Amino acid sequence: MTVAERCVFIKGDTIDGKYRILKCLGEGSFGDVYHVADPGGEQFAIKILKLWSIPPEAGDNLRKRFVMEFETGKITSDYLVHTISYGEIKGNPYILMEFCPSGDLRHYLTEHKNNADYFQIAKEILSGLSVLHRNGKVHRDLKPENVLVKKSGIAALTDFGISGDRNKRMTERGIMGKPLQIFGTYPYMPPEQVNPPRGGLATVLPTTDIFSFGVMMYELLVGKLPYGELTEATIVDYLRNAREGKWDRASLKHIPDGVVWDKIISGCLEPDFRCRTQTALAVMSELPSEYHRTEDSHQGRDIGHGEIVLRIMQGEEYGRIYHIEKMLSGGYLLTIGREAPDVNNLLSIKEVNSRYISRHHCTLEKNPETGIWYLRDGQWTSSGWKASLNGTYINSEVADSFGKAIHTGDIISIGDVKLRVEKLLKNN
């Protein structure tokens, strides 16, 4: 592998010999973003991953996450910032991206606060989240700085790769021995991510983004965070308030449409993710009717005939397809767990952070009479039924040991791995 060289660019420099730098848009611990123009004058943004500044033990994984961010940006949606091409400069990967001239949402609202349509902004952000979640992605780091305003005026999500990746914690350490990035993200993190119920790290679900959306919209509307001031001195109080559901809802009374926003934000800020509004579309349904989504964006269901498969949408083996019908070998039970030499799962998942996936994690069971597949958390072992350590989820709902039916379009979360249930239609 090519050793990454230090590369710092200034206005007037060119990247890869064809993208002239107009200005630096942002600098981070892992990457820099530049406003550039090609020889024809067309403008773009370029994000460069600074591998030269990253410890070797983190570099390989971050490179993979960077590629995944590039692939996520190729999802067709007006509500995501599009990625265009991928390359390297002196061993440092870069992504060529759509340029959004109005900057991020915080900057945009500083200039347009008095005439901004907050319901429309909310609809656009929720539309972006819905697209991500249907594709097995969770943003993990939703905040005003990660929402850009396009030339068309649409608020679009960006930075859905490394910024929210829990492995970023490996390289930044700061207050109280905690990583600096996590402190910067604390205002928007739900309680189950700050204090996982089972210890370790909680599975990241779409409801993670729903909570962040609620905090962000409250902050944009009211001008402050919902759980109080957040500083190094007050962080314990802030996180306790979030965990106990104590937020300043009285301030919503003083803004336009405060009653409507109270209902929306209340559902998003539920401390228990199981009681939280479960999907971006469900949050959108609480907006005034003229802001409801009209295009077909619902989860798929079993329509037509075809083979049911599982496709990895996020994980070490991104894009891999499991043909679960063929893996049954004449039976009706398919065991799933992390790849391990001493376990004979029919479906073994390879993942860098394998400690989030149990050796005996879950079981898929096909009903031979109806053909419906059910997902159950845990497996039978010599000592009886054994539950997983971190839970098994379908979309944001818990799949317990009794089982839950899966349908085309569902997203299964097993540790940090997301699998989408798909149907491969037979050729006529």
Protein backbone atom coordinates (compact mmCIF):
# COMPACT_ATOMS: atom_id res chain seq x y z
CA MET A 1 0.00 0.00 0.00
CA THR A 2 1.21 3.50 -0.86
CA VAL A 3 2.47 5.45 2.13
CA ALA A 4 0.45 8.65 2.49
CA GLU A 5 2.45 11.86 2.25
CA ARG A 6 1.63 15.10 3.99
CA CYS A 7 -0.28 17.42 1.64
CA VAL A 8 -1.56 20.86 2.58
CA PHE A 9 -3.17 23.01 -0.08
CA ILE A 10 -3.69 26.76 -0.38
CA LYS A 11 -5.70 28.93 -2.75
CA GLY A 12 -4.45 28.58 -6.32
CA ASP A 13 -3.00 25.08 -5.90
CA THR A 14 -4.35 22.24 -8.00
CA ILE A 15 -5.42 18.80 -6.86
CA ASP A 16 -4.68 15.92 -9.22
CA GLY A 17 -3.60 18.48 -11.78
CA LYS A 18 -7.13 19.56 -12.69
CA TYR A 19 -9.04 20.92 -9.68
CA ARG A 20 -7.95 24.45 -8.78
CA ILE A 21 -8.51 25.42 -5.16
CA LEU A 22 -10.67 28.51 -4.67
CA LYS A 23 -10.78 28.35 -0.86
CA CYS A 24 -10.72 26.01 2.12
CA LEU A 25 -14.25 25.22 3.31
CA GLY A 26 -13.33 23.37 6.47
CA GLU A 27 -10.55 21.63 8.36
CA GLY A 28 -10.95 18.59 10.58
CA SER A 29 -8.88 16.03 12.41
CA PHE A 30 -9.36 13.49 9.64
CA GLY A 31 -9.99 15.54 6.54
CA ASP A 32 -10.07 18.91 4.84
CA VAL A 33 -12.75 20.17 2.46
CA TYR A 34 -11.94 22.57 -0.39
CA HIS A 35 -13.99 24.59 -2.84
CA VAL A 36 -12.52 23.86 -6.27
CA ALA A 37 -13.13 24.48 -9.96
CA ASP A 38 -12.25 22.29 -12.93
CA PRO A 39 -10.66 23.65 -16.15
CA GLY A 40 -14.12 24.40 -17.53
CA GLY A 41 -15.02 26.53 -14.51
CA GLU A 42 -17.51 24.07 -13.00
CA GLN A 43 -17.41 24.20 -9.21
CA PHE A 44 -17.21 21.29 -6.78
CA ALA A 45 -16.16 20.44 -3.25
CA ILE A 46 -13.31 18.03 -2.55
CA LYS A 47 -12.91 16.19 0.72
CA ILE A 48 -9.44 14.78 1.38
CA LEU A 49 -8.83 12.11 4.00
CA LYS A 50 -5.58 13.03 5.75
CA LEU A 51 -4.16 9.55 6.13
CA TRP A 52 -0.74 11.03 6.78
CA SER A 53 -2.02 12.39 10.11
CA ILE A 54 -3.84 9.26 11.25
CA PRO A 55 -2.33 6.48 13.41
CA PRO A 56 -1.67 3.35 11.33
CA GLU A 57 -4.03 1.23 13.46
CA ALA A 58 -6.94 3.48 12.45
CA GLY A 59 -5.98 4.18 8.84
CA ASP A 60 -7.24 1.02 7.13
CA ASN A 61 -10.65 1.15 8.73
CA LEU A 62 -11.07 4.88 8.05
CA ARG A 63 -10.18 4.32 4.40
CA LYS A 64 -12.95 1.71 4.18
CA ARG A 65 -15.39 4.11 5.85
CA PHE A 66 -14.35 6.82 3.42
CA VAL A 67 -15.16 4.53 0.49
CA MET A 68 -18.51 3.75 2.12
CA GLU A 69 -19.21 7.49 2.41
CA PHE A 70 -18.49 7.84 -1.30
CA GLU A 71 -20.88 4.99 -2.10
CA THR A 72 -23.58 6.45 0.17
CA GLY A 73 -23.33 9.78 -1.65
CA LYS A 74 -24.16 8.00 -4.90
CA ILE A 75 -27.67 7.16 -3.64
CA THR A 76 -30.12 9.02 -5.85
CA SER A 77 -31.87 11.69 -3.77
CA ASP A 78 -32.25 15.46 -3.84
CA TYR A 79 -31.84 15.39 -0.06
CA LEU A 80 -28.30 14.01 0.02
CA VAL A 81 -25.15 15.81 -1.10
CA HIS A 82 -23.98 13.82 -4.11
CA THR A 83 -20.53 12.32 -4.50
CA ILE A 84 -19.15 12.34 -8.04
CA SER A 85 -15.79 10.59 -8.17
CA TYR A 86 -13.13 9.02 -5.98
CA GLY A 87 -9.36 9.37 -6.26
CA GLU A 88 -6.06 9.69 -4.40
CA ILE A 89 -3.44 12.39 -4.04
CA LYS A 90 -0.06 11.42 -2.58
CA GLY A 91 -1.65 8.34 -1.02
CA ASN A 92 -4.52 10.29 0.55
CA PRO A 93 -8.02 9.39 -0.73
CA TYR A 94 -10.34 12.18 -1.86
CA ILE A 95 -13.98 12.46 -2.85
CA LEU A 96 -15.21 14.93 -5.46
CA MET A 97 -18.59 16.20 -4.31
CA GLU A 98 -21.47 18.46 -5.23
CA PHE A 99 -20.76 22.06 -4.14
CA CYS A 100 -23.43 23.71 -1.98
CA PRO A 101 -22.90 27.49 -2.22
CA SER A 102 -25.10 28.49 0.74
CA GLY A 103 -22.99 26.57 3.26
CA ASP A 104 -24.28 24.61 6.23
CA LEU A 105 -27.66 25.03 7.88
CA ARG A 106 -26.36 26.92 10.90
CA HIS A 107 -24.65 29.50 8.68
CA TYR A 108 -27.64 29.68 6.32
CA LEU A 109 -30.13 30.35 9.11
CA THR A 110 -27.92 33.04 10.60
CA GLU A 111 -28.59 35.01 7.42
CA HIS A 112 -32.15 33.83 6.69
CA LYS A 113 -33.64 33.17 10.13
CA ASN A 114 -36.53 35.63 9.82
CA ASN A 115 -37.85 34.27 6.51
CA ALA A 116 -36.90 30.60 6.80
CA ASP A 117 -39.60 27.94 6.46
CA TYR A 118 -38.65 25.59 9.29
CA PHE A 119 -41.33 23.06 8.41
CA GLN A 120 -39.90 22.82 4.88
CA ILE A 121 -36.37 22.47 6.26
CA ALA A 122 -37.58 19.70 8.59
CA LYS A 123 -39.28 17.90 5.70
CA GLU A 124 -36.11 17.99 3.61
CA ILE A 125 -33.90 16.70 6.43
CA LEU A 126 -36.39 13.93 7.22
CA SER A 127 -36.56 13.02 3.54
CA GLY A 128 -32.78 12.61 3.53
CA LEU A 129 -32.89 10.48 6.67
CA SER A 130 -35.64 8.32 5.20
CA VAL A 131 -33.53 7.61 2.11
CA LEU A 132 -30.49 6.76 4.23
CA HIS A 133 -32.46 4.47 6.53
CA ARG A 134 -34.11 2.61 3.63
CA ASN A 135 -30.61 1.95 2.32
CA GLY A 136 -29.38 0.54 5.61
CA LYS A 137 -27.49 3.65 6.66
CA VAL A 138 -27.66 5.60 9.90
CA HIS A 139 -26.11 9.05 9.78
CA ARG A 140 -24.86 8.91 13.42
CA ASP A 141 -23.74 12.56 13.45
CA LEU A 142 -26.75 14.66 12.47
CA LYS A 143 -26.27 18.31 13.43
CA PRO A 144 -26.63 21.70 11.66
CA GLU A 145 -23.04 21.60 10.39
CA ASN A 146 -23.78 18.35 8.53
CA VAL A 147 -26.77 19.73 6.64
CA LEU A 148 -25.80 21.80 3.58
CA VAL A 149 -28.07 24.07 1.56
CA LYS A 150 -27.90 23.39 -2.16
CA LYS A 151 -28.07 25.96 -4.94
CA SER A 152 -31.74 24.98 -5.34
CA GLY A 153 -32.35 25.92 -1.69
CA ILE A 154 -32.88 22.30 -0.58
CA ALA A 155 -31.37 21.25 2.75
CA ALA A 156 -29.33 18.10 2.10
CA LEU A 157 -27.44 15.72 4.38
CA THR A 158 -23.70 15.31 4.13
CA ASP A 159 -20.80 13.80 6.07
CA PHE A 160 -22.54 10.45 6.46
CA GLY A 161 -19.34 8.46 6.67
CA ILE A 162 -16.45 8.93 9.01
CA SER A 163 -17.76 11.74 11.22
CA GLY A 164 -20.28 9.54 12.96
CA ASP A 165 -18.20 6.38 12.94
CA ARG A 166 -17.49 5.14 16.43
CA ASN A 167 -13.95 4.22 15.32
CA LYS A 168 -13.12 7.91 15.09
CA ARG A 169 -12.80 7.72 18.86
CA MET A 170 -9.51 5.89 18.42
CA THR A 171 -7.63 9.00 17.39
CA GLU A 172 -9.02 11.94 19.38
CA ARG A 173 -8.83 12.14 23.14
CA GLY A 174 -9.69 15.08 25.31
CA ILE A 175 -11.83 15.97 28.33
CA MET A 176 -12.20 13.41 31.10
CA GLY A 177 -10.30 10.90 29.00
CA LYS A 178 -13.13 11.02 26.48
CA PRO A 179 -12.56 11.58 22.75
CA LEU A 180 -12.93 15.21 21.66
CA GLN A 181 -15.25 14.33 18.79
CA ILE A 182 -17.66 12.64 21.16
CA PHE A 183 -17.83 15.77 23.30
CA GLY A 184 -18.67 17.79 20.20
CA THR A 185 -21.43 15.31 19.35
CA TYR A 186 -22.82 14.91 22.88
CA PRO A 187 -25.65 17.46 22.45
CA TYR A 188 -27.19 15.31 19.72
CA MET A 189 -26.49 11.81 21.05
CA PRO A 190 -29.41 9.79 22.45
CA PRO A 191 -29.12 8.31 25.95
CA GLU A 192 -28.74 4.73 24.71
CA GLN A 193 -25.58 5.73 22.84
CA VAL A 194 -24.08 7.69 25.73
CA ASN A 195 -24.94 5.04 28.34
CA PRO A 196 -25.68 1.74 26.57
CA PRO A 197 -28.13 -0.40 28.58
CA ARG A 198 -26.03 -3.56 28.29
CA GLY A 199 -22.63 -1.94 28.61
CA GLY A 200 -20.15 -1.69 25.77
CA LEU A 201 -21.74 0.00 22.76
CA ALA A 202 -25.40 0.03 21.78
CA THR A 203 -26.51 -0.93 18.28
CA VAL A 204 -26.96 2.22 16.20
CA LEU A 205 -30.53 2.37 14.86
CA PRO A 206 -32.58 4.87 12.82
CA THR A 207 -33.97 6.13 16.13
CA THR A 208 -30.47 7.47 16.84
CA ASP A 209 -30.97 9.96 14.00
CA ILE A 210 -34.54 10.70 15.12
CA PHE A 211 -33.27 11.87 18.51
CA SER A 212 -30.55 13.99 16.88
CA PHE A 213 -33.16 15.54 14.60
CA GLY A 214 -35.27 16.55 17.60
CA VAL A 215 -32.32 18.19 19.36
CA MET A 216 -31.23 19.95 16.19
CA MET A 217 -34.65 21.37 15.33
CA TYR A 218 -35.16 22.56 18.91
CA GLU A 219 -31.78 24.30 18.81
CA LEU A 220 -32.50 25.97 15.46
CA LEU A 221 -35.97 27.11 16.52
CA VAL A 222 -35.22 28.26 20.07
CA GLY A 223 -31.58 29.24 19.83
CA LYS A 224 -30.32 26.98 22.60
CA LEU A 225 -30.00 23.29 23.43
CA PRO A 226 -33.02 21.51 24.99
CA TYR A 227 -31.31 20.04 28.05
CA GLY A 228 -29.49 23.15 29.25
CA GLU A 229 -26.11 24.71 28.65
CA LEU A 230 -23.40 22.25 27.67
CA THR A 231 -19.87 22.85 28.90
CA GLU A 232 -17.21 20.65 30.47
CA ALA A 233 -18.56 21.75 33.86
CA THR A 234 -22.22 20.99 33.06
CA ILE A 235 -21.92 17.93 30.86
CA VAL A 236 -22.98 15.48 33.59
CA ASP A 237 -26.16 17.49 34.28
CA TYR A 238 -26.89 17.81 30.57
CA LEU A 239 -26.61 14.08 29.95
CA ARG A 240 -28.67 13.26 33.05
CA ASN A 241 -31.44 15.58 31.85
CA ALA A 242 -31.43 13.83 28.47
CA ARG A 243 -31.54 10.42 30.12
CA GLU A 244 -34.46 11.48 32.34
CA GLY A 245 -36.32 13.32 29.60
CA LYS A 246 -36.05 16.72 31.28
CA TRP A 247 -35.95 19.36 28.59
CA ASP A 248 -37.07 22.97 28.34
CA ARG A 249 -40.32 22.59 26.41
CA ALA A 250 -41.67 25.88 27.81
CA SER A 251 -39.44 27.83 25.40
CA LEU A 252 -41.37 26.38 22.46
CA LYS A 253 -44.42 28.41 23.55
CA HIS A 254 -42.68 31.59 22.45
CA ILE A 255 -42.04 30.58 18.83
CA PRO A 256 -44.46 30.44 15.87
CA ASP A 257 -46.37 27.13 15.68
CA GLY A 258 -44.92 26.16 19.06
CA VAL A 259 -47.72 23.68 19.81
CA VAL A 260 -47.03 21.77 16.60
CA TRP A 261 -43.31 21.73 17.21
CA ASP A 262 -43.85 20.57 20.80
CA LYS A 263 -45.62 17.44 19.58
CA ILE A 264 -42.98 16.73 16.93
CA ILE A 265 -39.97 17.27 19.16
CA SER A 266 -41.50 15.43 22.13
CA GLY A 267 -41.73 12.25 20.08
CA CYS A 268 -38.13 12.60 18.96
CA LEU A 269 -36.66 13.26 22.41
CA GLU A 270 -38.15 10.21 24.16
CA PRO A 271 -35.26 8.82 26.25
CA ASP A 272 -36.29 5.21 25.58
CA PHE A 273 -35.65 4.51 21.89
CA ARG A 274 -38.49 1.96 21.90
CA CYS A 275 -40.97 4.73 22.77
CA ARG A 276 -39.39 7.31 20.44
CA THR A 277 -40.96 8.12 17.07
CA GLN A 278 -39.60 5.21 15.07
CA THR A 279 -39.14 6.48 11.51
CA ALA A 280 -38.38 9.67 9.65
CA LEU A 281 -41.65 9.32 7.74
CA ALA A 282 -43.57 9.05 11.03
CA VAL A 283 -41.98 12.31 12.19
CA MET A 284 -42.86 13.88 8.85
CA SER A 285 -46.49 12.86 9.30
CA GLU A 286 -46.62 15.18 12.34
CA LEU A 287 -45.78 18.20 10.17
CA PRO A 288 -48.66 20.28 8.79
CA SER A 289 -50.37 18.39 5.95
CA GLU A 290 -48.92 20.54 3.17
CA TYR A 291 -45.46 19.29 4.15
CA HIS A 292 -46.32 15.60 4.00
CA ARG A 293 -44.39 13.57 1.50
CA THR A 294 -46.39 12.63 -1.58
CA GLU A 295 -44.01 10.39 -3.53
CA ASP A 296 -43.88 6.66 -2.95
CA SER A 297 -41.29 6.23 -0.22
CA HIS A 298 -42.70 3.48 1.98
CA GLN A 299 -40.86 0.34 2.96
CA GLY A 300 -41.13 -2.40 0.37
CA ARG A 301 -43.34 -5.40 0.98
CA ASP A 302 -43.53 -8.83 -0.54
CA ILE A 303 -44.88 -8.17 -4.02
CA GLY A 304 -44.43 -10.74 -6.78
CA HIS A 305 -42.36 -13.90 -6.74
CA GLY A 306 -38.65 -14.23 -6.24
CA GLU A 307 -35.83 -15.36 -4.02
CA ILE A 308 -35.48 -13.68 -0.60
CA VAL A 309 -31.88 -12.61 0.05
CA LEU A 310 -29.98 -10.49 2.56
CA ARG A 311 -27.62 -7.79 1.28
CA ILE A 312 -25.02 -6.14 3.53
CA MET A 313 -25.61 -2.38 3.33
CA GLN A 314 -23.10 -1.44 6.03
CA GLY A 315 -20.27 -3.54 7.33
CA GLU A 316 -16.93 -5.13 6.55
CA GLU A 317 -18.33 -7.03 3.55
CA TYR A 318 -20.40 -4.18 2.10
CA GLY A 319 -22.47 -5.32 -0.87
CA ARG A 320 -22.28 -9.05 -0.17
CA ILE A 321 -25.49 -10.99 -0.84
CA TYR A 322 -26.56 -13.98 1.25
CA HIS A 323 -28.85 -16.38 -0.61
CA ILE A 324 -30.61 -17.59 2.52
CA GLU A 325 -32.96 -19.99 0.72
CA LYS A 326 -29.98 -21.92 -0.65
CA MET A 327 -28.17 -21.83 2.69
CA LEU A 328 -30.91 -23.80 4.47
CA SER A 329 -29.79 -27.11 2.93
CA GLY A 330 -33.25 -28.62 3.28
CA GLY A 331 -33.95 -27.34 6.79
CA TYR A 332 -35.88 -24.39 8.17
CA LEU A 333 -33.41 -22.79 10.61
CA LEU A 334 -30.49 -20.55 9.67
CA THR A 335 -28.15 -19.54 12.49
CA ILE A 336 -26.36 -16.17 12.34
CA GLY A 337 -23.37 -14.95 14.32
CA ARG A 338 -19.92 -13.50 14.07
CA GLU A 339 -17.26 -15.32 12.13
CA ALA A 340 -15.40 -17.53 14.61
CA PRO A 341 -13.40 -20.75 14.18
CA ASP A 342 -15.23 -22.60 16.96
CA VAL A 343 -18.80 -21.77 15.86
CA ASN A 344 -20.57 -23.33 12.90
CA ASN A 345 -23.14 -20.68 11.97
CA LEU A 346 -24.78 -21.16 8.59
CA LEU A 347 -24.40 -17.40 8.09
CA SER A 348 -21.16 -16.04 9.56
CA ILE A 349 -20.66 -12.28 9.58
CA LYS A 350 -17.21 -10.80 9.28
CA GLU A 351 -16.81 -7.46 11.03
CA VAL A 352 -13.84 -5.48 12.38
CA ASN A 353 -15.70 -4.72 15.60
CA SER A 354 -16.73 -8.34 16.07
CA ARG A 355 -17.28 -7.91 19.81
CA TYR A 356 -20.58 -6.16 18.95
CA ILE A 357 -21.80 -9.35 17.25
CA SER A 358 -22.35 -12.42 19.40
CA ARG A 359 -21.04 -15.83 18.40
CA HIS A 360 -24.62 -17.12 18.65
CA HIS A 361 -26.41 -13.90 17.72
CA CYS A 362 -29.75 -14.71 16.09
CA THR A 363 -31.76 -17.23 14.12
CA LEU A 364 -33.75 -17.00 10.89
CA GLU A 365 -36.61 -19.45 10.66
CA LYS A 366 -38.77 -20.13 7.62
CA ASN A 367 -42.37 -21.25 8.09
CA PRO A 368 -42.69 -24.16 5.62
CA GLU A 369 -46.44 -23.63 5.18
CA THR A 370 -46.57 -19.86 4.61
CA GLY A 371 -43.02 -19.27 3.33
CA ILE A 372 -42.67 -16.34 5.75
CA TRP A 373 -39.29 -15.79 7.39
CA TYR A 374 -39.04 -14.93 11.09
CA LEU A 375 -36.02 -13.42 12.84
CA ARG A 376 -35.38 -14.42 16.47
CA ASP A 377 -32.75 -12.97 18.76
CA GLY A 378 -30.41 -15.65 20.10
CA GLN A 379 -29.85 -19.34 19.36
CA TRP A 380 -30.31 -22.75 20.92
CA THR A 381 -27.12 -23.89 22.68
CA SER A 382 -26.24 -26.86 24.86
CA SER A 383 -27.38 -24.82 27.88
CA GLY A 384 -30.69 -23.69 26.36
CA TRP A 385 -31.74 -20.59 24.46
CA LYS A 386 -29.01 -17.96 24.58
CA ALA A 387 -29.78 -14.31 23.77
CA SER A 388 -27.30 -12.05 21.99
CA LEU A 389 -25.30 -9.49 23.94
CA ASN A 390 -26.32 -6.39 21.96
CA GLY A 391 -29.76 -7.30 20.61
CA THR A 392 -31.18 -7.91 17.16
CA TYR A 393 -33.33 -5.30 15.43
CA ILE A 394 -35.63 -5.00 12.43
CA ASN A 395 -35.63 -1.36 11.38
CA SER A 396 -35.75 0.20 14.88
CA GLU A 397 -37.84 -2.53 16.49
CA VAL A 398 -36.50 -5.20 18.81
CA ALA A 399 -36.61 -8.76 17.54
CA ASP A 400 -36.91 -10.92 20.66
CA SER A 401 -36.63 -14.68 21.12
CA PHE A 402 -40.27 -15.19 20.03
CA GLY A 403 -39.48 -13.95 16.55
CA LYS A 404 -40.64 -11.21 14.22
CA ALA A 405 -41.59 -11.55 10.55
CA ILE A 406 -39.30 -9.92 8.01
CA HIS A 407 -40.43 -8.31 4.76
CA THR A 408 -38.81 -6.98 1.63
CA GLY A 409 -37.21 -3.61 2.39
CA ASP A 410 -36.66 -4.28 6.10
CA ILE A 411 -33.25 -3.43 7.56
CA ILE A 412 -31.80 -5.96 10.00
CA SER A 413 -29.23 -4.59 12.48
CA ILE A 414 -26.76 -7.06 13.96
CA GLY A 415 -24.08 -5.18 15.87
CA ASP A 416 -22.68 -2.57 13.48
CA VAL A 417 -23.76 -4.55 10.42
CA LYS A 418 -26.90 -3.61 8.48
CA LEU A 419 -28.54 -6.11 6.13
CA ARG A 420 -31.45 -5.31 3.82
CA VAL A 421 -34.09 -7.89 3.02
CA GLU A 422 -34.45 -8.00 -0.77
CA LYS A 423 -36.28 -10.07 -3.33
CA LEU A 424 -34.47 -11.17 -6.47
CA LEU A 425 -37.20 -11.49 -9.06
CA LYS A 426 -37.10 -14.51 -11.31
CA ASN A 427 -36.55 -13.96 -15.00
CA ASN A 428 -39.68 -14.51 -17.00
